[in-house]
Amino acid sequence: MPKLPIVSGKELINILEKLGFISIRQKGSHVILKKVSESGEVGCTVPLHKELAIGTLKGILKQSRVSVDEFLKEI
């Protein structure tokens, strides 16, 4: 698996929006995104931190069903 870069919460939200996610709401420093696909709705929560930990980024990608390769293509 390729090495993941360090990104901020805002950068991750911009990438997920390019992949079809829509920002639904925000509670505090967490933004909730949603995407409707043929297989159903997919949602994820992104914290607005300056730098996301690699484990947090992996968890968000898993929750949003976005592969690492798909994510890296959009950077």
PDB file of N, CA and C in Angstrom:
ATOM      1  N   MET A   1       0.851  -1.175   0.000  1.00  0.00           N
ATOM      2  CA  MET A   1       0.000   0.000   0.000  1.00  0.00           C
ATOM      3  C   MET A   1       0.895   1.235   0.000  1.00  0.00           C
ATOM      4  N   PRO A   2       0.573   2.233  -0.828  1.00  0.00           N
ATOM      5  CA  PRO A   2       1.373   3.454  -0.864  1.00  0.00           C
ATOM      6  C   PRO A   2       1.268   4.232   0.450  1.00  0.00           C
ATOM      7  N   LYS A   3       2.289   5.022   0.714  1.00  0.00           N
ATOM      8  CA  LYS A   3       2.314   5.814   1.937  1.00  0.00           C
ATOM      9  C   LYS A   3       1.341   6.987   1.819  1.00  0.00           C
ATOM     10  N   LEU A   4       0.554   7.175   2.870  1.00  0.00           N
ATOM     11  CA  LEU A   4      -0.415   8.271   2.877  1.00  0.00           C
ATOM     12  C   LEU A   4       0.255   9.574   3.299  1.00  0.00           C
ATOM     13  N   PRO A   5      -0.091  10.671   2.649  1.00  0.00           N
ATOM     14  CA  PRO A   5       0.459  11.968   3.040  1.00  0.00           C
ATOM     15  C   PRO A   5      -0.289  12.537   4.234  1.00  0.00           C
ATOM     16  N   ILE A   6       0.320  13.499   4.897  1.00  0.00           N
ATOM     17  CA  ILE A   6      -0.352  14.210   5.990  1.00  0.00           C
ATOM     18  C   ILE A   6      -1.192  15.316   5.353  1.00  0.00           C
ATOM     19  N   VAL A   7      -2.482  15.312   5.651  1.00  0.00           N
ATOM     20  CA  VAL A   7      -3.381  16.328   5.118  1.00  0.00           C
ATOM     21  C   VAL A   7      -4.170  16.936   6.267  1.00  0.00           C
ATOM     22  N   SER A   8      -4.705  18.117   6.017  1.00  0.00           N
ATOM     23  CA  SER A   8      -5.558  18.761   7.022  1.00  0.00           C
ATOM     24  C   SER A   8      -7.000  18.309   6.803  1.00  0.00           C
ATOM     25  N   GLY A   9      -7.850  18.614   7.751  1.00  0.00           N
ATOM     26  CA  GLY A   9      -9.256  18.273   7.626  1.00  0.00           C
ATOM     27  C   GLY A   9      -9.904  18.964   6.437  1.00  0.00           C
ATOM     28  N   LYS A  10      -9.562  20.227   6.216  1.00  0.00           N
ATOM     29  CA  LYS A  10     -10.134  20.973   5.083  1.00  0.00           C
ATOM     30  C   LYS A  10      -9.699  20.372   3.753  1.00  0.00           C
ATOM     31  N   GLU A  11      -8.417  19.973   3.662  1.00  0.00           N
ATOM     32  CA  GLU A  11      -7.925  19.356   2.426  1.00  0.00           C
ATOM     33  C   GLU A  11      -8.654  18.041   2.155  1.00  0.00           C
ATOM     34  N   LEU A  12      -8.862  17.246   3.201  1.00  0.00           N
ATOM     35  CA  LEU A  12      -9.564  15.977   3.039  1.00  0.00           C
ATOM     36  C   LEU A  12     -11.009  16.198   2.595  1.00  0.00           C
ATOM     37  N   ILE A  13     -11.666  17.202   3.160  1.00  0.00           N
ATOM     38  CA  ILE A  13     -13.043  17.510   2.766  1.00  0.00           C
ATOM     39  C   ILE A  13     -13.093  17.897   1.290  1.00  0.00           C
ATOM     40  N   ASN A  14     -12.141  18.710   0.835  1.00  0.00           N
ATOM     41  CA  ASN A  14     -12.104  19.107  -0.582  1.00  0.00           C
ATOM     42  C   ASN A  14     -11.918  17.891  -1.486  1.00  0.00           C
ATOM     43  N   ILE A  15     -11.062  16.953  -1.084  1.00  0.00           N
ATOM     44  CA  ILE A  15     -10.825  15.747  -1.878  1.00  0.00           C
ATOM     45  C   ILE A  15     -12.084  14.885  -1.916  1.00  0.00           C
ATOM     46  N   LEU A  16     -12.723  14.712  -0.758  1.00  0.00           N
ATOM     47  CA  LEU A  16     -13.940  13.898  -0.720  1.00  0.00           C
ATOM     48  C   LEU A  16     -15.060  14.541  -1.528  1.00  0.00           C
ATOM     49  N   GLU A  17     -15.126  15.869  -1.550  1.00  0.00           N
ATOM     50  CA  GLU A  17     -16.142  16.544  -2.364  1.00  0.00           C
ATOM     51  C   GLU A  17     -15.886  16.315  -3.851  1.00  0.00           C
ATOM     52  N   LYS A  18     -14.611  16.228  -4.260  1.00  0.00           N
ATOM     53  CA  LYS A  18     -14.294  15.904  -5.651  1.00  0.00           C
ATOM     54  C   LYS A  18     -14.770  14.501  -5.998  1.00  0.00           C
ATOM     55  N   LEU A  19     -14.807  13.614  -4.993  1.00  0.00           N
ATOM     56  CA  LEU A  19     -15.225  12.233  -5.194  1.00  0.00           C
ATOM     57  C   LEU A  19     -16.736  12.050  -5.063  1.00  0.00           C
ATOM     58  N   GLY A  20     -17.478  13.149  -4.912  1.00  0.00           N
ATOM     59  CA  GLY A  20     -18.932  13.075  -4.914  1.00  0.00           C
ATOM     60  C   GLY A  20     -19.606  13.222  -3.565  1.00  0.00           C
ATOM     61  N   PHE A  21     -18.849  13.445  -2.499  1.00  0.00           N
ATOM     62  CA  PHE A  21     -19.453  13.636  -1.181  1.00  0.00           C
ATOM     63  C   PHE A  21     -19.978  15.058  -1.051  1.00  0.00           C
ATOM     64  N   ILE A  22     -21.012  15.210  -0.228  1.00  0.00           N
ATOM     65  CA  ILE A  22     -21.616  16.513   0.023  1.00  0.00           C
ATOM     66  C   ILE A  22     -21.554  16.777   1.517  1.00  0.00           C
ATOM     67  N   SER A  23     -21.169  17.988   1.878  1.00  0.00           N
ATOM     68  CA  SER A  23     -21.142  18.383   3.287  1.00  0.00           C
ATOM     69  C   SER A  23     -22.575  18.571   3.762  1.00  0.00           C
ATOM     70  N   ILE A  24     -22.980  17.784   4.755  1.00  0.00           N
ATOM     71  CA  ILE A  24     -24.357  17.816   5.254  1.00  0.00           C
ATOM     72  C   ILE A  24     -24.501  18.811   6.397  1.00  0.00           C
ATOM     73  N   ARG A  25     -23.623  18.685   7.390  1.00  0.00           N
ATOM     74  CA  ARG A  25     -23.709  19.580   8.547  1.00  0.00           C
ATOM     75  C   ARG A  25     -22.385  19.584   9.282  1.00  0.00           C
ATOM     76  N   GLN A  26     -22.288  20.485  10.256  1.00  0.00           N
ATOM     77  CA  GLN A  26     -21.089  20.587  11.079  1.00  0.00           C
ATOM     78  C   GLN A  26     -21.515  20.742  12.527  1.00  0.00           C
ATOM     79  N   LYS A  27     -20.848  20.000  13.399  1.00  0.00           N
ATOM     80  CA  LYS A  27     -21.092  20.126  14.827  1.00  0.00           C
ATOM     81  C   LYS A  27     -19.731  20.331  15.488  1.00  0.00           C
ATOM     82  N   GLY A  28     -19.501  21.543  15.942  1.00  0.00           N
ATOM     83  CA  GLY A  28     -18.193  21.857  16.526  1.00  0.00           C
ATOM     84  C   GLY A  28     -17.132  21.824  15.451  1.00  0.00           C
ATOM     85  N   SER A  29     -16.084  21.027  15.693  1.00  0.00           N
ATOM     86  CA  SER A  29     -14.989  20.950  14.734  1.00  0.00           C
ATOM     87  C   SER A  29     -15.089  19.709  13.846  1.00  0.00           C
ATOM     88  N   HIS A  30     -16.257  19.091  13.763  1.00  0.00           N
ATOM     89  CA  HIS A  30     -16.436  17.905  12.949  1.00  0.00           C
ATOM     90  C   HIS A  30     -17.475  18.170  11.855  1.00  0.00           C
ATOM     91  N   VAL A  31     -17.092  17.826  10.617  1.00  0.00           N
ATOM     92  CA  VAL A  31     -17.965  18.001   9.463  1.00  0.00           C
ATOM     93  C   VAL A  31     -18.453  16.622   9.028  1.00  0.00           C
ATOM     94  N   ILE A  32     -19.750  16.498   8.809  1.00  0.00           N
ATOM     95  CA  ILE A  32     -20.347  15.240   8.381  1.00  0.00           C
ATOM     96  C   ILE A  32     -20.616  15.334   6.885  1.00  0.00           C
ATOM     97  N   LEU A  33     -20.102  14.341   6.148  1.00  0.00           N
ATOM     98  CA  LEU A  33     -20.258  14.290   4.701  1.00  0.00           C
ATOM     99  C   LEU A  33     -21.072  13.059   4.331  1.00  0.00           C
ATOM    100  N   LYS A  34     -21.750  13.128   3.178  1.00  0.00           N
ATOM    101  CA  LYS A  34     -22.592  12.026   2.732  1.00  0.00           C
ATOM    102  C   LYS A  34     -22.496  11.897   1.221  1.00  0.00           C
ATOM    103  N   LYS A  35     -22.609  10.650   0.761  1.00  0.00           N
ATOM    104  CA  LYS A  35     -22.615  10.379  -0.675  1.00  0.00           C
ATOM    105  C   LYS A  35     -23.681   9.325  -0.944  1.00  0.00           C
ATOM    106  N   VAL A  36     -24.488   9.552  -1.955  1.00  0.00           N
ATOM    107  CA  VAL A  36     -25.510   8.588  -2.347  1.00  0.00           C
ATOM    108  C   VAL A  36     -25.001   7.868  -3.590  1.00  0.00           C
ATOM    109  N   SER A  37     -24.952   6.535  -3.524  1.00  0.00           N
ATOM    110  CA  SER A  37     -24.510   5.735  -4.661  1.00  0.00           C
ATOM    111  C   SER A  37     -25.526   4.632  -4.930  1.00  0.00           C
ATOM    112  N   GLU A  38     -25.250   3.808  -5.928  1.00  0.00           N
ATOM    113  CA  GLU A  38     -26.175   2.723  -6.258  1.00  0.00           C
ATOM    114  C   GLU A  38     -26.312   1.740  -5.101  1.00  0.00           C
ATOM    115  N   SER A  39     -25.232   1.549  -4.339  1.00  0.00           N
ATOM    116  CA  SER A  39     -25.251   0.579  -3.242  1.00  0.00           C
ATOM    117  C   SER A  39     -25.826   1.167  -1.951  1.00  0.00           C
ATOM    118  N   GLY A  40     -26.233   2.423  -1.979  1.00  0.00           N
ATOM    119  CA  GLY A  40     -26.826   3.054  -0.803  1.00  0.00           C
ATOM    120  C   GLY A  40     -26.084   4.310  -0.398  1.00  0.00           C
ATOM    121  N   GLU A  41     -26.396   4.792   0.794  1.00  0.00           N
ATOM    122  CA  GLU A  41     -25.770   6.011   1.288  1.00  0.00           C
ATOM    123  C   GLU A  41     -24.510   5.671   2.075  1.00  0.00           C
ATOM    124  N   VAL A  42     -23.497   6.508   1.897  1.00  0.00           N
ATOM    125  CA  VAL A  42     -22.238   6.366   2.622  1.00  0.00           C
ATOM    126  C   VAL A  42     -21.972   7.695   3.313  1.00  0.00           C
ATOM    127  N   GLY A  43     -21.633   7.639   4.578  1.00  0.00           N
ATOM    128  CA  GLY A  43     -21.339   8.858   5.319  1.00  0.00           C
ATOM    129  C   GLY A  43     -20.026   8.753   6.051  1.00  0.00           C
ATOM    130  N   CYS A  44     -19.444   9.889   6.375  1.00  0.00           N
ATOM    131  CA  CYS A  44     -18.220   9.916   7.161  1.00  0.00           C
ATOM    132  C   CYS A  44     -18.131  11.244   7.908  1.00  0.00           C
ATOM    133  N   THR A  45     -17.323  11.243   8.943  1.00  0.00           N
ATOM    134  CA  THR A  45     -17.116  12.424   9.770  1.00  0.00           C
ATOM    135  C   THR A  45     -15.646  12.813   9.685  1.00  0.00           C
ATOM    136  N   VAL A  46     -15.378  14.094   9.406  1.00  0.00           N
ATOM    137  CA  VAL A  46     -14.008  14.590   9.269  1.00  0.00           C
ATOM    138  C   VAL A  46     -13.771  15.686  10.303  1.00  0.00           C
ATOM    139  N   PRO A  47     -12.762  15.507  11.172  1.00  0.00           N
ATOM    140  CA  PRO A  47     -12.433  16.571  12.118  1.00  0.00           C
ATOM    141  C   PRO A  47     -11.643  17.678  11.418  1.00  0.00           C
ATOM    142  N   LEU A  48     -11.890  18.909  11.770  1.00  0.00           N
ATOM    143  CA  LEU A  48     -11.193  20.042  11.146  1.00  0.00           C
ATOM    144  C   LEU A  48      -9.890  20.338  11.884  1.00  0.00           C
ATOM    145  N   HIS A  49      -8.964  19.390  11.851  1.00  0.00           N
ATOM    146  CA  HIS A  49      -7.660  19.573  12.480  1.00  0.00           C
ATOM    147  C   HIS A  49      -6.663  20.056  11.446  1.00  0.00           C
ATOM    148  N   LYS A  50      -5.586  20.697  11.912  1.00  0.00           N
ATOM    149  CA  LYS A  50      -4.552  21.168  10.987  1.00  0.00           C
ATOM    150  C   LYS A  50      -3.854  19.999  10.320  1.00  0.00           C
ATOM    151  N   GLU A  51      -3.609  18.929  11.071  1.00  0.00           N
ATOM    152  CA  GLU A  51      -3.010  17.717  10.533  1.00  0.00           C
ATOM    153  C   GLU A  51      -3.781  16.522  11.068  1.00  0.00           C
ATOM    154  N   LEU A  52      -4.212  15.654  10.166  1.00  0.00           N
ATOM    155  CA  LEU A  52      -4.902  14.434  10.583  1.00  0.00           C
ATOM    156  C   LEU A  52      -3.869  13.330  10.773  1.00  0.00           C
ATOM    157  N   ALA A  53      -3.994  12.592  11.857  1.00  0.00           N
ATOM    158  CA  ALA A  53      -3.119  11.449  12.078  1.00  0.00           C
ATOM    159  C   ALA A  53      -3.369  10.417  10.983  1.00  0.00           C
ATOM    160  N   ILE A  54      -2.356   9.633  10.654  1.00  0.00           N
ATOM    161  CA  ILE A  54      -2.479   8.640   9.584  1.00  0.00           C
ATOM    162  C   ILE A  54      -3.575   7.629   9.909  1.00  0.00           C
ATOM    163  N   GLY A  55      -3.662   7.200  11.157  1.00  0.00           N
ATOM    164  CA  GLY A  55      -4.710   6.258  11.552  1.00  0.00           C
ATOM    165  C   GLY A  55      -6.094   6.853  11.406  1.00  0.00           C
ATOM    166  N   THR A  56      -6.237   8.132  11.715  1.00  0.00           N
ATOM    167  CA  THR A  56      -7.521   8.822  11.548  1.00  0.00           C
ATOM    168  C   THR A  56      -7.886   8.891  10.069  1.00  0.00           C
ATOM    169  N   LEU A  57      -6.912   9.221   9.234  1.00  0.00           N
ATOM    170  CA  LEU A  57      -7.139   9.300   7.786  1.00  0.00           C
ATOM    171  C   LEU A  57      -7.543   7.937   7.235  1.00  0.00           C
ATOM    172  N   LYS A  58      -6.859   6.873   7.652  1.00  0.00           N
ATOM    173  CA  LYS A  58      -7.212   5.526   7.202  1.00  0.00           C
ATOM    174  C   LYS A  58      -8.636   5.164   7.622  1.00  0.00           C
ATOM    175  N   GLY A  59      -8.989   5.517   8.847  1.00  0.00           N
ATOM    176  CA  GLY A  59     -10.335   5.232   9.338  1.00  0.00           C
ATOM    177  C   GLY A  59     -11.402   5.969   8.559  1.00  0.00           C
ATOM    178  N   ILE A  60     -11.139   7.227   8.229  1.00  0.00           N
ATOM    179  CA  ILE A  60     -12.107   8.021   7.454  1.00  0.00           C
ATOM    180  C   ILE A  60     -12.251   7.440   6.048  1.00  0.00           C
ATOM    181  N   LEU A  61     -11.134   7.043   5.433  1.00  0.00           N
ATOM    182  CA  LEU A  61     -11.197   6.452   4.090  1.00  0.00           C
ATOM    183  C   LEU A  61     -11.970   5.136   4.120  1.00  0.00           C
ATOM    184  N   LYS A  62     -11.763   4.333   5.159  1.00  0.00           N
ATOM    185  CA  LYS A  62     -12.489   3.070   5.290  1.00  0.00           C
ATOM    186  C   LYS A  62     -13.981   3.320   5.497  1.00  0.00           C
ATOM    187  N   GLN A  63     -14.301   4.283   6.357  1.00  0.00           N
ATOM    188  CA  GLN A  63     -15.693   4.616   6.643  1.00  0.00           C
ATOM    189  C   GLN A  63     -16.400   5.136   5.391  1.00  0.00           C
ATOM    190  N   SER A  64     -15.672   5.898   4.573  1.00  0.00           N
ATOM    191  CA  SER A  64     -16.273   6.480   3.373  1.00  0.00           C
ATOM    192  C   SER A  64     -16.166   5.561   2.151  1.00  0.00           C
ATOM    193  N   ARG A  65     -15.562   4.391   2.325  1.00  0.00           N
ATOM    194  CA  ARG A  65     -15.390   3.406   1.248  1.00  0.00           C
ATOM    195  C   ARG A  65     -14.621   3.970   0.065  1.00  0.00           C
ATOM    196  N   VAL A  66     -13.571   4.730   0.366  1.00  0.00           N
ATOM    197  CA  VAL A  66     -12.692   5.289  -0.662  1.00  0.00           C
ATOM    198  C   VAL A  66     -11.361   4.560  -0.549  1.00  0.00           C
ATOM    199  N   SER A  67     -10.871   4.001  -1.656  1.00  0.00           N
ATOM    200  CA  SER A  67      -9.595   3.297  -1.628  1.00  0.00           C
ATOM    201  C   SER A  67      -8.445   4.304  -1.542  1.00  0.00           C
ATOM    202  N   VAL A  68      -7.311   3.803  -1.080  1.00  0.00           N
ATOM    203  CA  VAL A  68      -6.125   4.661  -0.958  1.00  0.00           C
ATOM    204  C   VAL A  68      -5.692   5.157  -2.327  1.00  0.00           C
ATOM    205  N   ASP A  69      -5.747   4.294  -3.333  1.00  0.00           N
ATOM    206  CA  ASP A  69      -5.361   4.695  -4.693  1.00  0.00           C
ATOM    207  C   ASP A  69      -6.287   5.779  -5.236  1.00  0.00           C
ATOM    208  N   GLU A  70      -7.576   5.624  -4.992  1.00  0.00           N
ATOM    209  CA  GLU A  70      -8.554   6.618  -5.427  1.00  0.00           C
ATOM    210  C   GLU A  70      -8.289   7.960  -4.736  1.00  0.00           C
ATOM    211  N   PHE A  71      -7.960   7.904  -3.450  1.00  0.00           N
ATOM    212  CA  PHE A  71      -7.642   9.098  -2.688  1.00  0.00           C
ATOM    213  C   PHE A  71      -6.384   9.785  -3.220  1.00  0.00           C
ATOM    214  N   LEU A  72      -5.344   9.004  -3.484  1.00  0.00           N
ATOM    215  CA  LEU A  72      -4.080   9.570  -3.947  1.00  0.00           C
ATOM    216  C   LEU A  72      -4.181  10.192  -5.342  1.00  0.00           C
ATOM    217  N   LYS A  73      -5.098   9.681  -6.186  1.00  0.00           N
ATOM    218  CA  LYS A  73      -5.291  10.253  -7.522  1.00  0.00           C
ATOM    219  C   LYS A  73      -5.836  11.667  -7.445  1.00  0.00           C
ATOM    220  N   GLU A  74      -6.606  11.981  -6.392  1.00  0.00           N
ATOM    221  CA  GLU A  74      -7.254  13.282  -6.276  1.00  0.00           C
ATOM    222  C   GLU A  74      -6.382  14.332  -5.614  1.00  0.00           C
ATOM    223  N   ILE A  75      -5.238  13.941  -5.073  1.00  0.00           N
ATOM    224  CA  ILE A  75      -4.367  14.927  -4.404  1.00  0.00           C
ATOM    225  C   ILE A  75      -3.664  15.779  -5.428  1.00  0.00           C
TER     226      ILE A  75
END
